[in-house]
Amino acid sequence: MDTTHHPTILLVEDEENDVYFMERALEKAGLTSSLRVAEDGEQAIDYLSGNGEFADRKRFPLPALVFLDLKLPKVMGMDVLKWIREQASLDTVVVIVLTSSQQRSDIEQACALGANSYLVKPSSPLELTEIVSLVKRYWLQLNHPTASMAGGVPVGAF
């Protein structure tokens, strides 16, 4: 991977502290310059569709990866995920649910809607940094996304 270019990452998160800790974890992984934040589900959809202030794709490029919380104001995370997977132009965007919910029903629904991964928010900044480093390595360096990534699982993977 070209180390001078980092794909854009969209963090959809309404908790200020969680945004802060994610910024620090991304910084340690060398990815901060690529981070954009949406504070609620509606803003995430506006960003991804290029509506309003997000129309300038030079300032607000489409992300290669979305970290998506489930419990969001305005539009819930599952609805954002469903919307993303209905957009042909976002077929190759990796969506990683990063939430505090460990409920089996949430995990199953997120997978059914096409999440590429479901991660529970860790309890420490060090664990978050480890997760971000793994995500960077796998999803942004090793993975080769295609439009045939049905249900979050790359066709022919492993």
N, C-alpha and C. Protein backbone atom coordinates (compact mmCIF):
# COMPACT_ATOMS: atom_id res chain seq x y z
N MET A 1 0.84 -1.19 0.00
CA MET A 1 0.00 0.00 0.00
C MET A 1 0.87 1.24 0.00
N ASP A 2 0.49 2.22 -0.73
CA ASP A 2 1.18 3.50 -0.76
C ASP A 2 1.03 4.18 0.59
N THR A 3 2.13 4.38 1.29
CA THR A 3 2.06 4.95 2.63
C THR A 3 1.83 6.45 2.63
N THR A 4 1.90 7.09 1.49
CA THR A 4 1.65 8.53 1.45
C THR A 4 0.16 8.83 1.30
N HIS A 5 -0.63 7.83 0.93
CA HIS A 5 -2.07 8.03 0.75
C HIS A 5 -2.83 7.11 1.70
N HIS A 6 -3.75 7.69 2.44
CA HIS A 6 -4.59 6.89 3.31
C HIS A 6 -6.03 7.06 2.87
N PRO A 7 -6.71 5.96 2.68
CA PRO A 7 -8.13 6.04 2.30
C PRO A 7 -8.93 6.77 3.38
N THR A 8 -9.98 7.42 2.96
CA THR A 8 -10.85 8.12 3.90
C THR A 8 -11.61 7.12 4.76
N ILE A 9 -11.73 7.46 6.04
CA ILE A 9 -12.50 6.68 7.01
C ILE A 9 -13.59 7.58 7.55
N LEU A 10 -14.81 7.08 7.53
CA LEU A 10 -15.94 7.82 8.11
C LEU A 10 -16.31 7.15 9.43
N LEU A 11 -16.22 7.90 10.50
CA LEU A 11 -16.63 7.43 11.82
C LEU A 11 -18.02 8.00 12.10
N VAL A 12 -18.99 7.12 12.28
CA VAL A 12 -20.35 7.55 12.59
C VAL A 12 -20.57 7.28 14.07
N GLU A 13 -20.45 8.35 14.85
CA GLU A 13 -20.42 8.23 16.31
C GLU A 13 -20.90 9.52 16.94
N ASP A 14 -21.84 9.40 17.89
CA ASP A 14 -22.39 10.59 18.54
C ASP A 14 -21.76 10.88 19.90
N GLU A 15 -21.03 9.94 20.46
CA GLU A 15 -20.41 10.15 21.77
C GLU A 15 -19.05 10.82 21.62
N GLU A 16 -18.93 12.02 22.16
CA GLU A 16 -17.71 12.81 22.03
C GLU A 16 -16.47 12.07 22.53
N ASN A 17 -16.58 11.39 23.66
CA ASN A 17 -15.43 10.64 24.19
C ASN A 17 -15.01 9.52 23.26
N ASP A 18 -15.97 8.82 22.67
CA ASP A 18 -15.63 7.74 21.74
C ASP A 18 -14.94 8.29 20.50
N VAL A 19 -15.37 9.46 20.03
CA VAL A 19 -14.71 10.10 18.89
C VAL A 19 -13.27 10.43 19.27
N TYR A 20 -13.08 11.00 20.44
CA TYR A 20 -11.74 11.35 20.91
C TYR A 20 -10.82 10.12 20.94
N PHE A 21 -11.30 9.03 21.55
CA PHE A 21 -10.46 7.83 21.65
C PHE A 21 -10.19 7.22 20.28
N MET A 22 -11.15 7.28 19.38
CA MET A 22 -10.93 6.77 18.02
C MET A 22 -9.91 7.63 17.29
N GLU A 23 -9.99 8.95 17.45
CA GLU A 23 -9.00 9.83 16.83
C GLU A 23 -7.59 9.47 17.30
N ARG A 24 -7.44 9.21 18.60
CA ARG A 24 -6.12 8.85 19.15
C ARG A 24 -5.65 7.51 18.60
N ALA A 25 -6.56 6.54 18.53
CA ALA A 25 -6.20 5.21 18.02
C ALA A 25 -5.81 5.29 16.54
N LEU A 26 -6.55 6.07 15.76
CA LEU A 26 -6.22 6.24 14.34
C LEU A 26 -4.90 6.96 14.17
N GLU A 27 -4.64 7.92 15.03
CA GLU A 27 -3.37 8.64 14.99
C GLU A 27 -2.21 7.68 15.21
N LYS A 28 -2.33 6.81 16.19
CA LYS A 28 -1.27 5.83 16.47
C LYS A 28 -1.09 4.85 15.31
N ALA A 29 -2.15 4.62 14.56
CA ALA A 29 -2.08 3.73 13.40
C ALA A 29 -1.68 4.50 12.13
N GLY A 30 -1.50 5.82 12.25
CA GLY A 30 -1.10 6.63 11.12
C GLY A 30 -2.23 6.95 10.16
N LEU A 31 -3.47 7.04 10.66
CA LEU A 31 -4.63 7.25 9.80
C LEU A 31 -5.44 8.51 10.09
N THR A 32 -4.98 9.41 10.93
CA THR A 32 -5.81 10.56 11.30
C THR A 32 -6.13 11.51 10.16
N SER A 33 -5.23 11.68 9.25
CA SER A 33 -5.48 12.65 8.18
C SER A 33 -6.65 12.22 7.30
N SER A 34 -7.04 10.96 7.40
CA SER A 34 -8.10 10.45 6.55
C SER A 34 -9.46 10.37 7.24
N LEU A 35 -9.55 10.81 8.49
CA LEU A 35 -10.77 10.65 9.27
C LEU A 35 -11.78 11.78 9.04
N ARG A 36 -13.05 11.37 8.83
CA ARG A 36 -14.18 12.28 8.82
C ARG A 36 -15.16 11.74 9.85
N VAL A 37 -15.92 12.62 10.49
CA VAL A 37 -16.86 12.20 11.54
C VAL A 37 -18.26 12.68 11.21
N ALA A 38 -19.23 11.77 11.34
CA ALA A 38 -20.64 12.11 11.26
C ALA A 38 -21.21 11.86 12.65
N GLU A 39 -21.93 12.84 13.19
CA GLU A 39 -22.39 12.76 14.58
C GLU A 39 -23.74 12.07 14.75
N ASP A 40 -24.41 11.76 13.64
CA ASP A 40 -25.67 11.03 13.73
C ASP A 40 -25.91 10.33 12.40
N GLY A 41 -26.93 9.47 12.38
CA GLY A 41 -27.20 8.69 11.19
C GLY A 41 -27.60 9.53 9.98
N GLU A 42 -28.35 10.57 10.22
CA GLU A 42 -28.76 11.45 9.11
C GLU A 42 -27.55 12.12 8.47
N GLN A 43 -26.63 12.61 9.30
CA GLN A 43 -25.42 13.24 8.79
C GLN A 43 -24.56 12.23 8.02
N ALA A 44 -24.53 10.98 8.48
CA ALA A 44 -23.77 9.94 7.77
C ALA A 44 -24.35 9.73 6.37
N ILE A 45 -25.66 9.65 6.27
CA ILE A 45 -26.30 9.46 4.96
C ILE A 45 -26.06 10.67 4.07
N ASP A 46 -26.16 11.88 4.64
CA ASP A 46 -25.87 13.09 3.87
C ASP A 46 -24.43 13.09 3.36
N TYR A 47 -23.51 12.70 4.23
CA TYR A 47 -22.09 12.64 3.83
C TYR A 47 -21.92 11.65 2.68
N LEU A 48 -22.42 10.45 2.86
CA LEU A 48 -22.22 9.39 1.87
C LEU A 48 -22.92 9.68 0.55
N SER A 49 -24.03 10.41 0.59
CA SER A 49 -24.75 10.73 -0.64
C SER A 49 -24.30 12.06 -1.25
N GLY A 50 -23.42 12.79 -0.55
CA GLY A 50 -22.92 14.06 -1.08
C GLY A 50 -23.95 15.17 -1.03
N ASN A 51 -24.85 15.13 -0.05
CA ASN A 51 -25.88 16.16 0.09
C ASN A 51 -25.38 17.38 0.84
N GLY A 52 -25.92 18.55 0.48
CA GLY A 52 -25.65 19.78 1.21
C GLY A 52 -24.18 20.11 1.30
N GLU A 53 -23.71 20.35 2.52
CA GLU A 53 -22.32 20.75 2.73
C GLU A 53 -21.31 19.69 2.29
N PHE A 54 -21.78 18.44 2.10
CA PHE A 54 -20.89 17.34 1.74
C PHE A 54 -20.77 17.12 0.23
N ALA A 55 -21.31 18.05 -0.56
CA ALA A 55 -21.28 17.92 -2.01
C ALA A 55 -19.87 18.02 -2.59
N ASP A 56 -18.98 18.70 -1.91
CA ASP A 56 -17.61 18.88 -2.39
C ASP A 56 -16.80 17.63 -2.06
N ARG A 57 -16.62 16.75 -3.06
CA ARG A 57 -15.94 15.48 -2.83
C ARG A 57 -14.43 15.64 -2.62
N LYS A 58 -13.87 16.80 -2.94
CA LYS A 58 -12.46 17.02 -2.61
C LYS A 58 -12.31 17.22 -1.10
N ARG A 59 -13.25 17.91 -0.49
CA ARG A 59 -13.23 18.12 0.96
C ARG A 59 -13.82 16.94 1.72
N PHE A 60 -14.79 16.28 1.10
CA PHE A 60 -15.51 15.18 1.75
C PHE A 60 -15.52 13.96 0.83
N PRO A 61 -14.35 13.33 0.65
CA PRO A 61 -14.29 12.18 -0.26
C PRO A 61 -15.06 10.97 0.27
N LEU A 62 -15.51 10.15 -0.65
CA LEU A 62 -16.18 8.92 -0.23
C LEU A 62 -15.20 8.07 0.57
N PRO A 63 -15.66 7.47 1.63
CA PRO A 63 -14.76 6.66 2.45
C PRO A 63 -14.55 5.26 1.86
N ALA A 64 -13.42 4.69 2.18
CA ALA A 64 -13.16 3.29 1.86
C ALA A 64 -13.72 2.42 2.98
N LEU A 65 -13.82 3.02 4.18
CA LEU A 65 -14.24 2.28 5.36
C LEU A 65 -15.11 3.16 6.25
N VAL A 66 -16.16 2.56 6.81
CA VAL A 66 -17.05 3.25 7.74
C VAL A 66 -17.06 2.48 9.05
N PHE A 67 -16.75 3.18 10.15
CA PHE A 67 -16.98 2.65 11.49
C PHE A 67 -18.35 3.17 11.89
N LEU A 68 -19.29 2.26 12.16
CA LEU A 68 -20.67 2.64 12.38
C LEU A 68 -21.17 2.20 13.75
N ASP A 69 -21.55 3.16 14.57
CA ASP A 69 -22.19 2.86 15.85
C ASP A 69 -23.65 2.52 15.54
N LEU A 70 -24.29 1.76 16.41
CA LEU A 70 -25.69 1.40 16.18
C LEU A 70 -26.67 2.36 16.83
N LYS A 71 -26.34 2.83 18.01
CA LYS A 71 -27.25 3.71 18.76
C LYS A 71 -26.91 5.16 18.43
N LEU A 72 -27.67 5.71 17.48
CA LEU A 72 -27.40 7.05 16.97
C LEU A 72 -28.66 7.91 17.01
N PRO A 73 -28.49 9.24 17.14
CA PRO A 73 -29.65 10.12 17.02
C PRO A 73 -30.11 10.21 15.55
N LYS A 74 -31.35 10.60 15.39
CA LYS A 74 -32.01 10.86 14.10
C LYS A 74 -32.25 9.60 13.27
N VAL A 75 -31.21 8.93 12.83
CA VAL A 75 -31.35 7.69 12.07
C VAL A 75 -30.45 6.65 12.74
N MET A 76 -31.03 5.53 13.14
CA MET A 76 -30.27 4.49 13.84
C MET A 76 -29.25 3.82 12.92
N GLY A 77 -28.22 3.25 13.52
CA GLY A 77 -27.14 2.63 12.77
C GLY A 77 -27.58 1.53 11.83
N MET A 78 -28.53 0.68 12.25
CA MET A 78 -29.00 -0.39 11.37
C MET A 78 -29.65 0.18 10.11
N ASP A 79 -30.37 1.30 10.27
CA ASP A 79 -30.99 1.94 9.11
C ASP A 79 -29.95 2.55 8.19
N VAL A 80 -28.88 3.09 8.77
CA VAL A 80 -27.77 3.62 7.96
C VAL A 80 -27.12 2.47 7.19
N LEU A 81 -26.86 1.37 7.86
CA LEU A 81 -26.26 0.20 7.22
C LEU A 81 -27.12 -0.30 6.07
N LYS A 82 -28.42 -0.42 6.31
CA LYS A 82 -29.35 -0.86 5.27
C LYS A 82 -29.30 0.09 4.08
N TRP A 83 -29.30 1.40 4.35
CA TRP A 83 -29.25 2.41 3.29
C TRP A 83 -27.95 2.28 2.49
N ILE A 84 -26.83 2.12 3.19
CA ILE A 84 -25.53 1.99 2.50
C ILE A 84 -25.57 0.82 1.53
N ARG A 85 -26.06 -0.31 2.00
CA ARG A 85 -26.05 -1.53 1.17
C ARG A 85 -27.06 -1.47 0.02
N GLU A 86 -27.95 -0.50 0.04
CA GLU A 86 -28.88 -0.30 -1.07
C GLU A 86 -28.31 0.61 -2.16
N GLN A 87 -27.16 1.22 -1.90
CA GLN A 87 -26.55 2.16 -2.84
C GLN A 87 -25.49 1.45 -3.67
N ALA A 88 -25.72 1.32 -4.96
CA ALA A 88 -24.76 0.65 -5.85
C ALA A 88 -23.39 1.34 -5.82
N SER A 89 -23.39 2.65 -5.66
CA SER A 89 -22.13 3.40 -5.66
C SER A 89 -21.28 3.15 -4.42
N LEU A 90 -21.87 2.50 -3.41
CA LEU A 90 -21.14 2.23 -2.16
C LEU A 90 -20.85 0.74 -1.97
N ASP A 91 -20.97 -0.03 -3.05
CA ASP A 91 -20.77 -1.49 -2.97
C ASP A 91 -19.46 -1.91 -2.33
N THR A 92 -18.40 -1.17 -2.61
CA THR A 92 -17.08 -1.60 -2.12
C THR A 92 -16.69 -0.95 -0.79
N VAL A 93 -17.56 -0.11 -0.24
CA VAL A 93 -17.26 0.51 1.05
C VAL A 93 -17.34 -0.55 2.15
N VAL A 94 -16.29 -0.66 2.92
CA VAL A 94 -16.25 -1.59 4.04
C VAL A 94 -16.98 -0.95 5.21
N VAL A 95 -17.96 -1.66 5.78
CA VAL A 95 -18.71 -1.15 6.92
C VAL A 95 -18.44 -2.05 8.12
N ILE A 96 -17.84 -1.44 9.13
CA ILE A 96 -17.54 -2.15 10.36
C ILE A 96 -18.42 -1.56 11.47
N VAL A 97 -19.32 -2.38 11.98
CA VAL A 97 -20.13 -1.95 13.11
C VAL A 97 -19.22 -1.95 14.33
N LEU A 98 -19.15 -0.82 15.01
CA LEU A 98 -18.35 -0.68 16.23
C LEU A 98 -19.29 -0.10 17.29
N THR A 99 -19.75 -0.95 18.18
CA THR A 99 -20.82 -0.57 19.09
C THR A 99 -20.62 -1.21 20.45
N SER A 100 -21.38 -0.76 21.40
CA SER A 100 -21.30 -1.35 22.74
C SER A 100 -22.22 -2.56 22.88
N SER A 101 -23.12 -2.76 21.94
CA SER A 101 -24.08 -3.86 22.02
C SER A 101 -23.44 -5.21 21.73
N GLN A 102 -23.67 -6.14 22.63
CA GLN A 102 -23.23 -7.52 22.43
C GLN A 102 -24.43 -8.43 22.20
N GLN A 103 -25.59 -7.84 21.94
CA GLN A 103 -26.81 -8.63 21.76
C GLN A 103 -26.73 -9.44 20.47
N ARG A 104 -27.03 -10.72 20.60
CA ARG A 104 -26.99 -11.63 19.45
C ARG A 104 -27.88 -11.13 18.32
N SER A 105 -29.04 -10.60 18.66
CA SER A 105 -29.96 -10.11 17.63
C SER A 105 -29.36 -8.95 16.84
N ASP A 106 -28.59 -8.07 17.50
CA ASP A 106 -27.93 -6.96 16.80
C ASP A 106 -26.84 -7.50 15.87
N ILE A 107 -26.08 -8.46 16.35
CA ILE A 107 -25.00 -9.05 15.55
C ILE A 107 -25.59 -9.71 14.30
N GLU A 108 -26.63 -10.52 14.50
CA GLU A 108 -27.26 -11.22 13.38
C GLU A 108 -27.88 -10.25 12.38
N GLN A 109 -28.55 -9.20 12.89
CA GLN A 109 -29.17 -8.23 11.99
C GLN A 109 -28.12 -7.47 11.19
N ALA A 110 -27.04 -7.05 11.85
CA ALA A 110 -25.97 -6.32 11.16
C ALA A 110 -25.35 -7.17 10.06
N CYS A 111 -25.13 -8.44 10.35
CA CYS A 111 -24.57 -9.35 9.34
C CYS A 111 -25.55 -9.53 8.19
N ALA A 112 -26.83 -9.70 8.51
CA ALA A 112 -27.85 -9.88 7.48
C ALA A 112 -27.97 -8.65 6.58
N LEU A 113 -27.71 -7.48 7.14
CA LEU A 113 -27.81 -6.23 6.37
C LEU A 113 -26.53 -5.93 5.58
N GLY A 114 -25.49 -6.73 5.78
CA GLY A 114 -24.28 -6.56 4.97
C GLY A 114 -23.10 -5.93 5.65
N ALA A 115 -23.06 -5.90 6.97
CA ALA A 115 -21.87 -5.40 7.65
C ALA A 115 -20.70 -6.32 7.33
N ASN A 116 -19.54 -5.73 7.09
CA ASN A 116 -18.36 -6.55 6.83
C ASN A 116 -17.80 -7.14 8.11
N SER A 117 -18.04 -6.46 9.23
CA SER A 117 -17.53 -6.92 10.51
C SER A 117 -18.36 -6.30 11.62
N TYR A 118 -18.39 -6.96 12.76
CA TYR A 118 -19.12 -6.47 13.93
C TYR A 118 -18.16 -6.53 15.10
N LEU A 119 -17.82 -5.38 15.64
CA LEU A 119 -16.88 -5.30 16.76
C LEU A 119 -17.54 -4.60 17.94
N VAL A 120 -17.28 -5.13 19.13
CA VAL A 120 -17.77 -4.50 20.35
C VAL A 120 -16.70 -3.52 20.82
N LYS A 121 -17.15 -2.31 21.18
CA LYS A 121 -16.22 -1.29 21.64
C LYS A 121 -15.42 -1.83 22.83
N PRO A 122 -14.11 -1.72 22.75
CA PRO A 122 -13.28 -2.21 23.85
C PRO A 122 -13.33 -1.29 25.05
N SER A 123 -12.88 -1.81 26.19
CA SER A 123 -12.95 -1.04 27.43
C SER A 123 -11.72 -0.15 27.65
N SER A 124 -10.68 -0.31 26.84
CA SER A 124 -9.48 0.50 27.06
C SER A 124 -8.98 1.11 25.75
N PRO A 125 -8.33 2.27 25.83
CA PRO A 125 -7.76 2.90 24.64
C PRO A 125 -6.70 2.01 23.97
N LEU A 126 -5.96 1.25 24.75
CA LEU A 126 -4.94 0.36 24.18
C LEU A 126 -5.60 -0.71 23.31
N GLU A 127 -6.70 -1.29 23.79
CA GLU A 127 -7.41 -2.29 22.99
C GLU A 127 -7.97 -1.68 21.71
N LEU A 128 -8.47 -0.45 21.80
CA LEU A 128 -8.99 0.22 20.61
C LEU A 128 -7.87 0.45 19.60
N THR A 129 -6.71 0.84 20.07
CA THR A 129 -5.56 1.03 19.19
C THR A 129 -5.19 -0.28 18.49
N GLU A 130 -5.23 -1.38 19.23
CA GLU A 130 -4.95 -2.69 18.64
C GLU A 130 -5.98 -3.04 17.56
N ILE A 131 -7.25 -2.79 17.85
CA ILE A 131 -8.32 -3.05 16.88
C ILE A 131 -8.11 -2.22 15.62
N VAL A 132 -7.82 -0.93 15.80
CA VAL A 132 -7.63 -0.05 14.64
C VAL A 132 -6.44 -0.51 13.81
N SER A 133 -5.38 -0.93 14.45
CA SER A 133 -4.21 -1.42 13.72
C SER A 133 -4.55 -2.67 12.91
N LEU A 134 -5.34 -3.57 13.51
CA LEU A 134 -5.77 -4.78 12.79
C LEU A 134 -6.69 -4.43 11.63
N VAL A 135 -7.62 -3.51 11.86
CA VAL A 135 -8.52 -3.08 10.80
C VAL A 135 -7.73 -2.46 9.65
N LYS A 136 -6.78 -1.62 9.99
CA LYS A 136 -5.94 -0.99 8.96
C LYS A 136 -5.23 -2.06 8.15
N ARG A 137 -4.62 -2.98 8.81
CA ARG A 137 -3.84 -4.01 8.12
C ARG A 137 -4.73 -4.87 7.22
N TYR A 138 -5.83 -5.37 7.78
CA TYR A 138 -6.67 -6.28 7.00
C TYR A 138 -7.52 -5.55 5.96
N TRP A 139 -8.36 -4.61 6.42
CA TRP A 139 -9.34 -4.01 5.52
C TRP A 139 -8.77 -2.96 4.58
N LEU A 140 -7.70 -2.27 4.98
CA LEU A 140 -7.18 -1.20 4.13
C LEU A 140 -5.89 -1.56 3.40
N GLN A 141 -5.21 -2.61 3.84
CA GLN A 141 -3.97 -2.98 3.17
C GLN A 141 -4.07 -4.32 2.45
N LEU A 142 -4.64 -5.34 3.07
CA LEU A 142 -4.67 -6.67 2.48
C LEU A 142 -5.92 -6.96 1.66
N ASN A 143 -7.07 -6.44 2.08
CA ASN A 143 -8.34 -6.72 1.44
C ASN A 143 -8.42 -6.06 0.06
N HIS A 144 -9.04 -6.77 -0.87
CA HIS A 144 -9.28 -6.23 -2.20
C HIS A 144 -10.78 -6.26 -2.44
N PRO A 145 -11.47 -5.16 -2.07
CA PRO A 145 -12.94 -5.16 -2.16
C PRO A 145 -13.43 -5.22 -3.60
N THR A 146 -14.54 -5.90 -3.76
CA THR A 146 -15.21 -5.95 -5.06
C THR A 146 -16.69 -5.72 -4.83
N ALA A 147 -17.39 -5.48 -5.91
CA ALA A 147 -18.83 -5.27 -5.80
C ALA A 147 -19.56 -6.57 -5.47
N SER A 148 -18.86 -7.70 -5.50
CA SER A 148 -19.50 -8.98 -5.22
C SER A 148 -19.36 -9.41 -3.77
N MET A 149 -19.22 -8.45 -2.86
CA MET A 149 -19.09 -8.75 -1.45
C MET A 149 -20.48 -8.87 -0.84
N ALA A 150 -21.13 -9.98 -1.07
CA ALA A 150 -22.49 -10.19 -0.60
C ALA A 150 -22.51 -10.51 0.89
N GLY A 151 -23.36 -9.81 1.61
CA GLY A 151 -23.51 -10.08 3.03
C GLY A 151 -22.25 -9.87 3.83
N GLY A 152 -21.34 -9.05 3.32
CA GLY A 152 -20.14 -8.75 4.07
C GLY A 152 -19.02 -9.76 3.88
N VAL A 153 -19.27 -10.84 3.17
CA VAL A 153 -18.23 -11.85 2.98
C VAL A 153 -17.78 -11.83 1.54
N PRO A 154 -16.47 -11.54 1.31
CA PRO A 154 -15.99 -11.51 -0.06
C PRO A 154 -16.19 -12.86 -0.74
N VAL A 155 -16.74 -12.87 -1.93
CA VAL A 155 -16.94 -14.10 -2.67
C VAL A 155 -15.57 -14.70 -2.96
N GLY A 156 -15.40 -15.96 -2.64
CA GLY A 156 -14.14 -16.64 -2.88
C GLY A 156 -13.09 -16.39 -1.82
N ALA A 157 -13.44 -15.71 -0.73
CA ALA A 157 -12.45 -15.43 0.31
C ALA A 157 -12.14 -16.69 1.09
N PHE A 158 -10.92 -16.85 1.44
CA PHE A 158 -10.41 -17.97 2.24
C PHE A 158 -10.85 -19.28 1.65
